[in-house]
Amino acid sequence: MSEDDAQEKLTNDLLKYHSSLSQLIFSQPSDRSHIPKDNVSLAVFCIVLKELAHRYGRSLLPEGDLLEQPELLRDYLMVHMARERVEQFRLLFLDGKNHLIRDEVQGRGTINHVPVYPREIAKRCLELKAAGIIMVHNHPAGQPNPSRGDIIMTQNIEMALKVIEVKLIDHLIITKKAQTSFRQLGLLGAE
């Protein structure tokens, strides 16, 4: 097979299995099984592009008050979480002026569950001297509404954080097409 034929076959395979560039970039290595094993450069290229997308999204976050431009925060979270195939639970730790201290993935789960432990969240808040946190998790199935379990877990974490005087600023659910805010839904305690 000539090099041109091989490139054409690869292009056709990519278009057949991936409807968009973002789907290719954010796919799992096992989803690229149709790519010839000797084409390591494409796999590496996908990994590099994904990392660049994540770093670019992070660079767009405001350096000051993270809550002043919520659309930038949501764009950042969409890039990081919307295409995950399993639930991911992430915490954004903020100081007293809502400046980002740290963004950490606390856990990865299954397609519809990720374990979350209020004690571990409170412990990490104390370690980082956080004044507030934003909790975020994704719903790979695309349902933007919180489940009953999501609501109960959030209430338990909010109560635990009150004891140590850390504010739960919001809990966001990210899907491929939508974001849901517990605060906007009235599911968090009064400010």
N, C-alpha and C. Protein backbone atom coordinates (compact mmCIF):
# COMPACT_ATOMS: atom_id res chain seq x y z
N MET A 1 0.85 -1.17 0.00
CA MET A 1 0.00 0.00 0.00
C MET A 1 0.90 1.23 0.00
N SER A 2 0.60 2.17 -0.87
CA SER A 2 1.41 3.39 -0.95
C SER A 2 1.12 4.28 0.27
N GLU A 3 2.01 5.23 0.48
CA GLU A 3 1.84 6.14 1.61
C GLU A 3 0.55 6.95 1.46
N ASP A 4 0.24 7.38 0.22
CA ASP A 4 -1.00 8.13 -0.01
C ASP A 4 -2.22 7.27 0.29
N ASP A 5 -2.19 6.00 -0.13
CA ASP A 5 -3.30 5.09 0.15
C ASP A 5 -3.46 4.86 1.66
N ALA A 6 -2.35 4.72 2.35
CA ALA A 6 -2.39 4.51 3.80
C ALA A 6 -2.96 5.72 4.52
N GLN A 7 -2.58 6.92 4.06
CA GLN A 7 -3.12 8.14 4.67
C GLN A 7 -4.61 8.28 4.39
N GLU A 8 -5.02 7.93 3.17
CA GLU A 8 -6.44 8.00 2.82
C GLU A 8 -7.25 7.01 3.66
N LYS A 9 -6.72 5.81 3.83
CA LYS A 9 -7.40 4.80 4.66
C LYS A 9 -7.52 5.28 6.10
N LEU A 10 -6.43 5.84 6.63
CA LEU A 10 -6.45 6.35 8.00
C LEU A 10 -7.48 7.47 8.13
N THR A 11 -7.50 8.39 7.19
CA THR A 11 -8.47 9.49 7.21
C THR A 11 -9.90 8.95 7.20
N ASN A 12 -10.17 8.00 6.33
CA ASN A 12 -11.51 7.41 6.26
C ASN A 12 -11.89 6.70 7.56
N ASP A 13 -10.93 5.98 8.15
CA ASP A 13 -11.19 5.31 9.42
C ASP A 13 -11.48 6.32 10.53
N LEU A 14 -10.70 7.39 10.57
CA LEU A 14 -10.93 8.41 11.59
C LEU A 14 -12.31 9.03 11.45
N LEU A 15 -12.70 9.34 10.23
CA LEU A 15 -14.02 9.93 10.00
C LEU A 15 -15.15 8.94 10.29
N LYS A 16 -14.88 7.68 10.06
CA LYS A 16 -15.89 6.63 10.32
C LYS A 16 -16.14 6.45 11.81
N TYR A 17 -15.07 6.48 12.61
CA TYR A 17 -15.18 6.18 14.03
C TYR A 17 -15.29 7.40 14.94
N HIS A 18 -14.97 8.59 14.43
CA HIS A 18 -14.98 9.80 15.25
C HIS A 18 -15.70 10.91 14.48
N SER A 19 -16.79 11.39 15.07
CA SER A 19 -17.61 12.39 14.38
C SER A 19 -17.02 13.79 14.43
N SER A 20 -16.03 14.01 15.30
CA SER A 20 -15.43 15.33 15.40
C SER A 20 -13.99 15.20 15.90
N LEU A 21 -13.24 16.27 15.76
CA LEU A 21 -11.87 16.29 16.26
C LEU A 21 -11.86 16.13 17.77
N SER A 22 -12.79 16.79 18.46
CA SER A 22 -12.81 16.68 19.92
C SER A 22 -13.12 15.25 20.35
N GLN A 23 -13.96 14.55 19.62
CA GLN A 23 -14.25 13.16 19.97
C GLN A 23 -12.99 12.30 19.83
N LEU A 24 -12.20 12.55 18.80
CA LEU A 24 -10.95 11.82 18.61
C LEU A 24 -9.96 12.15 19.73
N ILE A 25 -9.79 13.42 20.01
CA ILE A 25 -8.82 13.86 21.01
C ILE A 25 -9.16 13.33 22.40
N PHE A 26 -10.45 13.38 22.74
CA PHE A 26 -10.85 13.00 24.09
C PHE A 26 -11.26 11.53 24.20
N SER A 27 -11.04 10.77 23.14
CA SER A 27 -11.35 9.34 23.19
C SER A 27 -10.30 8.62 24.02
N GLN A 28 -10.68 7.46 24.49
CA GLN A 28 -9.75 6.61 25.26
C GLN A 28 -8.86 5.86 24.26
N PRO A 29 -7.66 5.49 24.67
CA PRO A 29 -6.78 4.73 23.76
C PRO A 29 -7.45 3.49 23.18
N SER A 30 -8.29 2.83 23.95
CA SER A 30 -8.97 1.63 23.44
C SER A 30 -9.96 1.97 22.32
N ASP A 31 -10.41 3.23 22.26
CA ASP A 31 -11.33 3.66 21.20
C ASP A 31 -10.60 3.91 19.89
N ARG A 32 -9.29 3.85 19.92
CA ARG A 32 -8.50 4.09 18.71
C ARG A 32 -7.92 2.79 18.18
N SER A 33 -8.56 1.68 18.48
CA SER A 33 -8.04 0.38 18.07
C SER A 33 -8.02 0.21 16.56
N HIS A 34 -8.82 1.00 15.84
CA HIS A 34 -8.84 0.93 14.38
C HIS A 34 -7.63 1.62 13.75
N ILE A 35 -6.88 2.36 14.55
CA ILE A 35 -5.68 3.03 14.05
C ILE A 35 -4.55 2.02 14.05
N PRO A 36 -3.84 1.88 12.95
CA PRO A 36 -2.74 0.91 12.89
C PRO A 36 -1.74 1.11 14.03
N LYS A 37 -1.29 0.02 14.59
CA LYS A 37 -0.37 0.07 15.74
C LYS A 37 0.93 0.81 15.43
N ASP A 38 1.33 0.77 14.16
CA ASP A 38 2.58 1.45 13.80
C ASP A 38 2.40 2.97 13.67
N ASN A 39 1.18 3.46 13.81
CA ASN A 39 0.93 4.91 13.71
C ASN A 39 0.91 5.51 15.12
N VAL A 40 2.02 5.40 15.81
CA VAL A 40 2.15 5.91 17.17
C VAL A 40 2.05 7.42 17.19
N SER A 41 2.49 8.07 16.14
CA SER A 41 2.49 9.53 16.11
C SER A 41 1.08 10.11 16.25
N LEU A 42 0.07 9.46 15.70
CA LEU A 42 -1.30 9.97 15.83
C LEU A 42 -1.77 9.84 17.27
N ALA A 43 -1.48 8.74 17.92
CA ALA A 43 -1.87 8.56 19.32
C ALA A 43 -1.19 9.60 20.20
N VAL A 44 0.09 9.83 19.98
CA VAL A 44 0.82 10.83 20.75
C VAL A 44 0.26 12.22 20.45
N PHE A 45 -0.05 12.50 19.20
CA PHE A 45 -0.62 13.77 18.81
C PHE A 45 -1.94 14.02 19.55
N CYS A 46 -2.78 13.01 19.67
CA CYS A 46 -4.06 13.14 20.38
C CYS A 46 -3.82 13.46 21.85
N ILE A 47 -2.87 12.80 22.46
CA ILE A 47 -2.55 13.05 23.87
C ILE A 47 -2.05 14.47 24.07
N VAL A 48 -1.19 14.92 23.17
CA VAL A 48 -0.65 16.28 23.25
C VAL A 48 -1.76 17.31 23.06
N LEU A 49 -2.63 17.10 22.09
CA LEU A 49 -3.73 18.04 21.86
C LEU A 49 -4.67 18.12 23.07
N LYS A 50 -4.94 16.97 23.69
CA LYS A 50 -5.80 16.96 24.87
C LYS A 50 -5.16 17.76 26.00
N GLU A 51 -3.89 17.56 26.23
CA GLU A 51 -3.19 18.30 27.27
C GLU A 51 -3.16 19.79 26.96
N LEU A 52 -2.95 20.14 25.70
CA LEU A 52 -2.96 21.56 25.31
C LEU A 52 -4.34 22.18 25.55
N ALA A 53 -5.40 21.45 25.24
CA ALA A 53 -6.76 21.94 25.48
C ALA A 53 -6.97 22.20 26.97
N HIS A 54 -6.51 21.27 27.81
CA HIS A 54 -6.65 21.44 29.25
C HIS A 54 -5.86 22.65 29.75
N ARG A 55 -4.64 22.78 29.29
CA ARG A 55 -3.81 23.91 29.73
C ARG A 55 -4.36 25.24 29.22
N TYR A 56 -4.87 25.25 28.00
CA TYR A 56 -5.45 26.47 27.46
C TYR A 56 -6.67 26.87 28.29
N GLY A 57 -7.52 25.91 28.60
CA GLY A 57 -8.70 26.20 29.43
C GLY A 57 -8.31 26.76 30.78
N ARG A 58 -7.27 26.18 31.38
CA ARG A 58 -6.80 26.67 32.68
C ARG A 58 -6.28 28.10 32.57
N SER A 59 -5.61 28.42 31.47
CA SER A 59 -5.05 29.76 31.30
C SER A 59 -6.15 30.82 31.15
N LEU A 60 -7.34 30.42 30.78
CA LEU A 60 -8.43 31.37 30.62
C LEU A 60 -9.13 31.71 31.93
N LEU A 61 -8.87 30.92 32.97
CA LEU A 61 -9.50 31.20 34.25
C LEU A 61 -8.97 32.53 34.80
N PRO A 62 -9.85 33.31 35.40
CA PRO A 62 -9.38 34.58 35.96
C PRO A 62 -8.37 34.34 37.09
N GLU A 63 -7.39 35.23 37.19
CA GLU A 63 -6.38 35.09 38.24
C GLU A 63 -6.90 35.57 39.58
N GLY A 64 -7.95 36.37 39.57
CA GLY A 64 -8.51 36.88 40.81
C GLY A 64 -9.70 36.06 41.24
N ASP A 65 -10.78 36.74 41.52
CA ASP A 65 -12.02 36.11 42.00
C ASP A 65 -12.59 35.18 40.93
N LEU A 66 -12.58 33.90 41.21
CA LEU A 66 -13.05 32.89 40.26
C LEU A 66 -14.55 33.01 39.99
N LEU A 67 -15.27 33.63 40.91
CA LEU A 67 -16.72 33.72 40.77
C LEU A 67 -17.17 34.92 39.95
N GLU A 68 -16.25 35.82 39.61
CA GLU A 68 -16.62 37.01 38.84
C GLU A 68 -16.96 36.69 37.38
N GLN A 69 -16.39 35.61 36.86
CA GLN A 69 -16.65 35.23 35.47
C GLN A 69 -17.01 33.75 35.42
N PRO A 70 -18.24 33.41 35.84
CA PRO A 70 -18.62 32.00 35.93
C PRO A 70 -18.62 31.28 34.58
N GLU A 71 -18.80 32.01 33.50
CA GLU A 71 -18.80 31.35 32.18
C GLU A 71 -17.42 30.79 31.85
N LEU A 72 -16.35 31.45 32.28
CA LEU A 72 -15.00 30.93 32.05
C LEU A 72 -14.76 29.67 32.87
N LEU A 73 -15.26 29.67 34.09
CA LEU A 73 -15.13 28.48 34.92
C LEU A 73 -15.88 27.31 34.30
N ARG A 74 -17.06 27.56 33.82
CA ARG A 74 -17.85 26.48 33.21
C ARG A 74 -17.21 25.98 31.92
N ASP A 75 -16.65 26.88 31.12
CA ASP A 75 -15.94 26.45 29.91
C ASP A 75 -14.76 25.55 30.29
N TYR A 76 -14.02 25.95 31.30
CA TYR A 76 -12.89 25.17 31.78
C TYR A 76 -13.33 23.77 32.22
N LEU A 77 -14.40 23.71 32.97
CA LEU A 77 -14.90 22.43 33.46
C LEU A 77 -15.44 21.57 32.32
N MET A 78 -16.05 22.19 31.34
CA MET A 78 -16.55 21.44 30.18
C MET A 78 -15.38 20.75 29.46
N VAL A 79 -14.30 21.49 29.26
CA VAL A 79 -13.14 20.90 28.57
C VAL A 79 -12.59 19.72 29.36
N HIS A 80 -12.54 19.85 30.68
CA HIS A 80 -11.95 18.80 31.51
C HIS A 80 -12.85 17.61 31.77
N MET A 81 -14.17 17.82 31.77
CA MET A 81 -15.03 16.76 32.29
C MET A 81 -16.15 16.29 31.39
N ALA A 82 -16.57 17.08 30.44
CA ALA A 82 -17.78 16.77 29.67
C ALA A 82 -17.68 15.46 28.89
N ARG A 83 -16.51 15.11 28.44
CA ARG A 83 -16.37 13.91 27.60
C ARG A 83 -15.82 12.70 28.36
N GLU A 84 -15.72 12.82 29.67
CA GLU A 84 -15.28 11.66 30.46
C GLU A 84 -16.34 10.57 30.38
N ARG A 85 -15.90 9.33 30.29
CA ARG A 85 -16.84 8.21 30.17
C ARG A 85 -17.27 7.63 31.51
N VAL A 86 -16.57 8.01 32.56
CA VAL A 86 -16.95 7.60 33.90
C VAL A 86 -17.11 8.87 34.74
N GLU A 87 -17.85 8.73 35.83
CA GLU A 87 -18.03 9.89 36.69
C GLU A 87 -16.70 10.28 37.32
N GLN A 88 -16.50 11.57 37.38
CA GLN A 88 -15.30 12.15 37.96
C GLN A 88 -15.78 13.19 38.98
N PHE A 89 -15.16 13.20 40.14
CA PHE A 89 -15.51 14.17 41.18
C PHE A 89 -14.30 15.05 41.42
N ARG A 90 -14.50 16.36 41.26
CA ARG A 90 -13.40 17.31 41.34
C ARG A 90 -13.76 18.40 42.33
N LEU A 91 -12.74 18.92 43.00
CA LEU A 91 -12.92 20.02 43.94
C LEU A 91 -12.04 21.19 43.54
N LEU A 92 -12.63 22.37 43.58
CA LEU A 92 -11.89 23.61 43.38
C LEU A 92 -11.80 24.28 44.75
N PHE A 93 -10.61 24.39 45.28
CA PHE A 93 -10.40 24.98 46.60
C PHE A 93 -10.11 26.46 46.43
N LEU A 94 -10.83 27.30 47.19
CA LEU A 94 -10.70 28.75 47.06
C LEU A 94 -10.28 29.37 48.38
N ASP A 95 -9.57 30.49 48.28
CA ASP A 95 -9.21 31.23 49.49
C ASP A 95 -10.36 32.19 49.84
N GLY A 96 -10.15 33.05 50.82
CA GLY A 96 -11.19 33.97 51.28
C GLY A 96 -11.63 34.99 50.25
N LYS A 97 -10.81 35.22 49.22
CA LYS A 97 -11.16 36.16 48.14
C LYS A 97 -11.59 35.44 46.88
N ASN A 98 -11.90 34.16 47.01
CA ASN A 98 -12.34 33.30 45.91
C ASN A 98 -11.28 33.12 44.82
N HIS A 99 -10.02 33.21 45.22
CA HIS A 99 -8.92 32.90 44.30
C HIS A 99 -8.70 31.39 44.36
N LEU A 100 -8.43 30.81 43.21
CA LEU A 100 -8.21 29.37 43.15
C LEU A 100 -6.90 29.00 43.84
N ILE A 101 -7.01 28.12 44.84
CA ILE A 101 -5.83 27.58 45.50
C ILE A 101 -5.37 26.34 44.74
N ARG A 102 -6.33 25.44 44.48
CA ARG A 102 -6.00 24.20 43.82
C ARG A 102 -7.24 23.59 43.20
N ASP A 103 -7.04 22.90 42.09
CA ASP A 103 -8.08 22.13 41.40
C ASP A 103 -7.63 20.68 41.46
N GLU A 104 -8.43 19.83 42.11
CA GLU A 104 -8.03 18.44 42.27
C GLU A 104 -9.17 17.49 41.92
N VAL A 105 -8.82 16.45 41.20
CA VAL A 105 -9.76 15.35 40.98
C VAL A 105 -9.69 14.48 42.22
N GLN A 106 -10.83 14.35 42.91
CA GLN A 106 -10.87 13.58 44.15
C GLN A 106 -11.16 12.11 43.91
N GLY A 107 -11.80 11.81 42.79
CA GLY A 107 -12.10 10.42 42.53
C GLY A 107 -12.69 10.20 41.15
N ARG A 108 -12.54 8.98 40.68
CA ARG A 108 -13.15 8.53 39.44
C ARG A 108 -13.95 7.29 39.79
N GLY A 109 -15.07 7.13 39.14
CA GLY A 109 -15.94 6.02 39.49
C GLY A 109 -16.33 5.18 38.30
N THR A 110 -17.62 4.91 38.22
CA THR A 110 -18.18 4.12 37.14
C THR A 110 -18.99 5.05 36.24
N ILE A 111 -19.77 4.48 35.38
CA ILE A 111 -20.56 5.32 34.47
C ILE A 111 -21.64 6.11 35.18
N ASN A 112 -22.01 5.69 36.40
CA ASN A 112 -23.07 6.44 37.08
C ASN A 112 -22.84 6.63 38.57
N HIS A 113 -21.60 6.45 39.03
CA HIS A 113 -21.32 6.64 40.46
C HIS A 113 -19.84 6.90 40.68
N VAL A 114 -19.57 7.80 41.61
CA VAL A 114 -18.20 8.02 42.08
C VAL A 114 -18.27 8.16 43.59
N PRO A 115 -17.42 7.42 44.32
CA PRO A 115 -17.47 7.52 45.77
C PRO A 115 -16.95 8.88 46.25
N VAL A 116 -17.64 9.44 47.24
CA VAL A 116 -17.28 10.74 47.80
C VAL A 116 -17.37 10.62 49.32
N TYR A 117 -16.35 11.13 50.01
CA TYR A 117 -16.29 11.01 51.45
C TYR A 117 -16.17 12.39 52.10
N PRO A 118 -17.22 12.86 52.79
CA PRO A 118 -17.19 14.19 53.42
C PRO A 118 -15.97 14.40 54.32
N ARG A 119 -15.56 13.38 55.06
CA ARG A 119 -14.42 13.50 55.96
C ARG A 119 -13.15 13.84 55.18
N GLU A 120 -12.95 13.19 54.03
CA GLU A 120 -11.75 13.44 53.22
C GLU A 120 -11.78 14.84 52.61
N ILE A 121 -12.97 15.29 52.23
CA ILE A 121 -13.08 16.64 51.68
C ILE A 121 -12.76 17.67 52.76
N ALA A 122 -13.32 17.50 53.95
CA ALA A 122 -13.04 18.42 55.05
C ALA A 122 -11.55 18.42 55.40
N LYS A 123 -10.96 17.24 55.44
CA LYS A 123 -9.53 17.12 55.74
C LYS A 123 -8.69 17.88 54.72
N ARG A 124 -9.02 17.72 53.45
CA ARG A 124 -8.24 18.40 52.39
C ARG A 124 -8.43 19.92 52.46
N CYS A 125 -9.63 20.36 52.80
CA CYS A 125 -9.87 21.80 52.96
C CYS A 125 -8.97 22.37 54.06
N LEU A 126 -8.86 21.65 55.17
CA LEU A 126 -8.00 22.09 56.27
C LEU A 126 -6.53 22.11 55.84
N GLU A 127 -6.11 21.09 55.11
CA GLU A 127 -4.71 21.01 54.66
C GLU A 127 -4.35 22.20 53.76
N LEU A 128 -5.29 22.58 52.91
CA LEU A 128 -5.02 23.67 51.95
C LEU A 128 -5.43 25.04 52.48
N LYS A 129 -5.99 25.07 53.68
CA LYS A 129 -6.47 26.32 54.29
C LYS A 129 -7.50 27.01 53.39
N ALA A 130 -8.39 26.21 52.83
CA ALA A 130 -9.43 26.74 51.94
C ALA A 130 -10.54 27.39 52.75
N ALA A 131 -11.05 28.50 52.23
CA ALA A 131 -12.20 29.17 52.84
C ALA A 131 -13.50 28.71 52.19
N GLY A 132 -13.39 28.19 50.97
CA GLY A 132 -14.57 27.72 50.26
C GLY A 132 -14.18 26.71 49.19
N ILE A 133 -15.18 25.96 48.76
CA ILE A 133 -14.93 25.00 47.68
C ILE A 133 -16.10 25.02 46.70
N ILE A 134 -15.78 24.62 45.50
CA ILE A 134 -16.79 24.33 44.48
C ILE A 134 -16.61 22.86 44.15
N MET A 135 -17.68 22.10 44.32
CA MET A 135 -17.65 20.68 43.98
C MET A 135 -18.18 20.54 42.56
N VAL A 136 -17.61 19.61 41.82
CA VAL A 136 -18.03 19.39 40.43
C VAL A 136 -17.99 17.90 40.15
N HIS A 137 -19.02 17.41 39.50
CA HIS A 137 -18.94 16.05 38.98
C HIS A 137 -19.68 16.00 37.66
N ASN A 138 -19.34 15.01 36.86
CA ASN A 138 -19.95 14.89 35.54
C ASN A 138 -20.95 13.74 35.54
N HIS A 139 -21.87 13.81 34.62
CA HIS A 139 -22.83 12.74 34.35
C HIS A 139 -22.60 12.26 32.93
N PRO A 140 -21.84 11.20 32.73
CA PRO A 140 -21.53 10.73 31.38
C PRO A 140 -22.77 10.40 30.54
N ALA A 141 -23.85 9.98 31.18
CA ALA A 141 -25.07 9.64 30.43
C ALA A 141 -25.79 10.87 29.89
N GLY A 142 -25.40 12.06 30.35
CA GLY A 142 -25.97 13.28 29.80
C GLY A 142 -27.11 13.88 30.59
N GLN A 143 -27.54 13.26 31.67
CA GLN A 143 -28.64 13.79 32.49
C GLN A 143 -28.11 14.93 33.35
N PRO A 144 -28.56 16.19 33.10
CA PRO A 144 -28.00 17.32 33.84
C PRO A 144 -28.59 17.51 35.24
N ASN A 145 -29.68 16.83 35.54
CA ASN A 145 -30.32 17.04 36.84
C ASN A 145 -29.67 16.17 37.91
N PRO A 146 -29.58 16.70 39.14
CA PRO A 146 -28.98 15.91 40.22
C PRO A 146 -29.89 14.76 40.62
N SER A 147 -29.27 13.65 40.96
CA SER A 147 -30.02 12.50 41.47
C SER A 147 -30.32 12.75 42.95
N ARG A 148 -31.17 11.95 43.52
CA ARG A 148 -31.46 12.04 44.96
C ARG A 148 -30.17 11.81 45.75
N GLY A 149 -29.37 10.85 45.29
CA GLY A 149 -28.09 10.58 45.95
C GLY A 149 -27.15 11.77 45.89
N ASP A 150 -27.13 12.48 44.74
CA ASP A 150 -26.29 13.68 44.60
C ASP A 150 -26.71 14.74 45.62
N ILE A 151 -28.01 14.91 45.79
CA ILE A 151 -28.54 15.93 46.71
C ILE A 151 -28.19 15.59 48.15
N ILE A 152 -28.41 14.34 48.55
CA ILE A 152 -28.10 13.93 49.92
C ILE A 152 -26.61 14.05 50.21
N MET A 153 -25.78 13.59 49.28
CA MET A 153 -24.33 13.68 49.45
C MET A 153 -23.90 15.14 49.60
N THR A 154 -24.47 16.01 48.80
CA THR A 154 -24.11 17.43 48.85
C THR A 154 -24.52 18.04 50.19
N GLN A 155 -25.70 17.71 50.67
CA GLN A 155 -26.15 18.22 51.97
C GLN A 155 -25.24 17.73 53.09
N ASN A 156 -24.81 16.46 53.03
CA ASN A 156 -23.92 15.92 54.05
C ASN A 156 -22.56 16.64 54.04
N ILE A 157 -22.05 16.90 52.85
CA ILE A 157 -20.77 17.61 52.74
C ILE A 157 -20.92 19.04 53.23
N GLU A 158 -22.01 19.68 52.88
CA GLU A 158 -22.23 21.06 53.31
C GLU A 158 -22.27 21.13 54.84
N MET A 159 -22.93 20.18 55.48
CA MET A 159 -22.98 20.15 56.95
C MET A 159 -21.59 19.93 57.55
N ALA A 160 -20.83 19.02 56.97
CA ALA A 160 -19.48 18.75 57.46
C ALA A 160 -18.59 19.99 57.32
N LEU A 161 -18.73 20.70 56.23
CA LEU A 161 -17.90 21.88 56.01
C LEU A 161 -18.28 23.04 56.93
N LYS A 162 -19.54 23.13 57.30
CA LYS A 162 -19.97 24.19 58.23
C LYS A 162 -19.24 24.06 59.55
N VAL A 163 -19.00 22.85 59.99
CA VAL A 163 -18.32 22.61 61.27
C VAL A 163 -16.92 23.21 61.25
N ILE A 164 -16.25 23.16 60.13
CA ILE A 164 -14.88 23.69 60.03
C ILE A 164 -14.85 25.07 59.37
N GLU A 165 -16.03 25.68 59.20
CA GLU A 165 -16.17 27.03 58.67
C GLU A 165 -15.61 27.19 57.26
N VAL A 166 -15.91 26.20 56.42
CA VAL A 166 -15.58 26.26 55.00
C VAL A 166 -16.90 26.31 54.25
N LYS A 167 -17.01 27.23 53.33
CA LYS A 167 -18.27 27.42 52.60
C LYS A 167 -18.31 26.55 51.35
N LEU A 168 -19.42 25.85 51.19
CA LEU A 168 -19.68 25.15 49.93
C LEU A 168 -20.32 26.17 49.00
N ILE A 169 -19.54 26.68 48.08
CA ILE A 169 -20.00 27.76 47.20
C ILE A 169 -20.99 27.24 46.18
N ASP A 170 -20.70 26.08 45.60
CA ASP A 170 -21.62 25.50 44.63
C ASP A 170 -21.24 24.05 44.39
N HIS A 171 -22.16 23.34 43.80
CA HIS A 171 -21.91 21.98 43.31
C HIS A 171 -22.44 21.99 41.88
N LEU A 172 -21.57 21.72 40.94
CA LEU A 172 -21.94 21.76 39.53
C LEU A 172 -21.96 20.35 38.96
N ILE A 173 -22.91 20.11 38.08
CA ILE A 173 -22.96 18.86 37.31
C ILE A 173 -22.66 19.24 35.86
N ILE A 174 -21.73 18.53 35.26
CA ILE A 174 -21.29 18.80 33.89
C ILE A 174 -21.70 17.63 33.00
N THR A 175 -22.32 17.94 31.87
CA THR A 175 -22.59 16.94 30.84
C THR A 175 -22.01 17.47 29.54
N LYS A 176 -22.13 16.70 28.47
CA LYS A 176 -21.61 17.16 27.18
C LYS A 176 -22.30 18.42 26.70
N LYS A 177 -23.56 18.60 27.09
CA LYS A 177 -24.33 19.72 26.54
C LYS A 177 -24.83 20.72 27.56
N ALA A 178 -24.69 20.42 28.84
CA ALA A 178 -25.28 21.31 29.85
C ALA A 178 -24.47 21.30 31.14
N GLN A 179 -24.74 22.31 31.94
CA GLN A 179 -24.18 22.41 33.28
C GLN A 179 -25.33 22.77 34.21
N THR A 180 -25.32 22.18 35.39
CA THR A 180 -26.36 22.45 36.37
C THR A 180 -25.69 22.91 37.66
N SER A 181 -26.25 23.95 38.26
CA SER A 181 -25.74 24.51 39.50
C SER A 181 -26.71 24.21 40.63
N PHE A 182 -26.23 23.56 41.69
CA PHE A 182 -27.06 23.30 42.86
C PHE A 182 -27.50 24.62 43.49
N ARG A 183 -26.62 25.62 43.49
CA ARG A 183 -26.96 26.92 44.08
C ARG A 183 -28.14 27.53 43.32
N GLN A 184 -28.08 27.52 41.98
CA GLN A 184 -29.17 28.10 41.19
C GLN A 184 -30.46 27.32 41.35
N LEU A 185 -30.36 26.02 41.63
CA LEU A 185 -31.56 25.20 41.84
C LEU A 185 -32.09 25.36 43.26
N GLY A 186 -31.41 26.11 44.10
CA GLY A 186 -31.85 26.30 45.49
C GLY A 186 -31.58 25.10 46.38
N LEU A 187 -30.60 24.26 46.01
CA LEU A 187 -30.31 23.05 46.76
C LEU A 187 -29.20 23.20 47.79
N LEU A 188 -28.68 24.40 47.94
CA LEU A 188 -27.65 24.64 48.95
C LEU A 188 -28.20 25.59 50.00
N GLY A 189 -27.60 25.56 51.19
CA GLY A 189 -28.03 26.43 52.28
C GLY A 189 -27.89 27.90 51.90
N ALA A 190 -28.56 28.74 52.66
CA ALA A 190 -28.52 30.19 52.41
C ALA A 190 -27.12 30.74 52.65
N GLU A 191 -26.81 31.77 51.91
CA GLU A 191 -25.48 32.40 52.04
C GLU A 191 -25.40 33.27 53.27
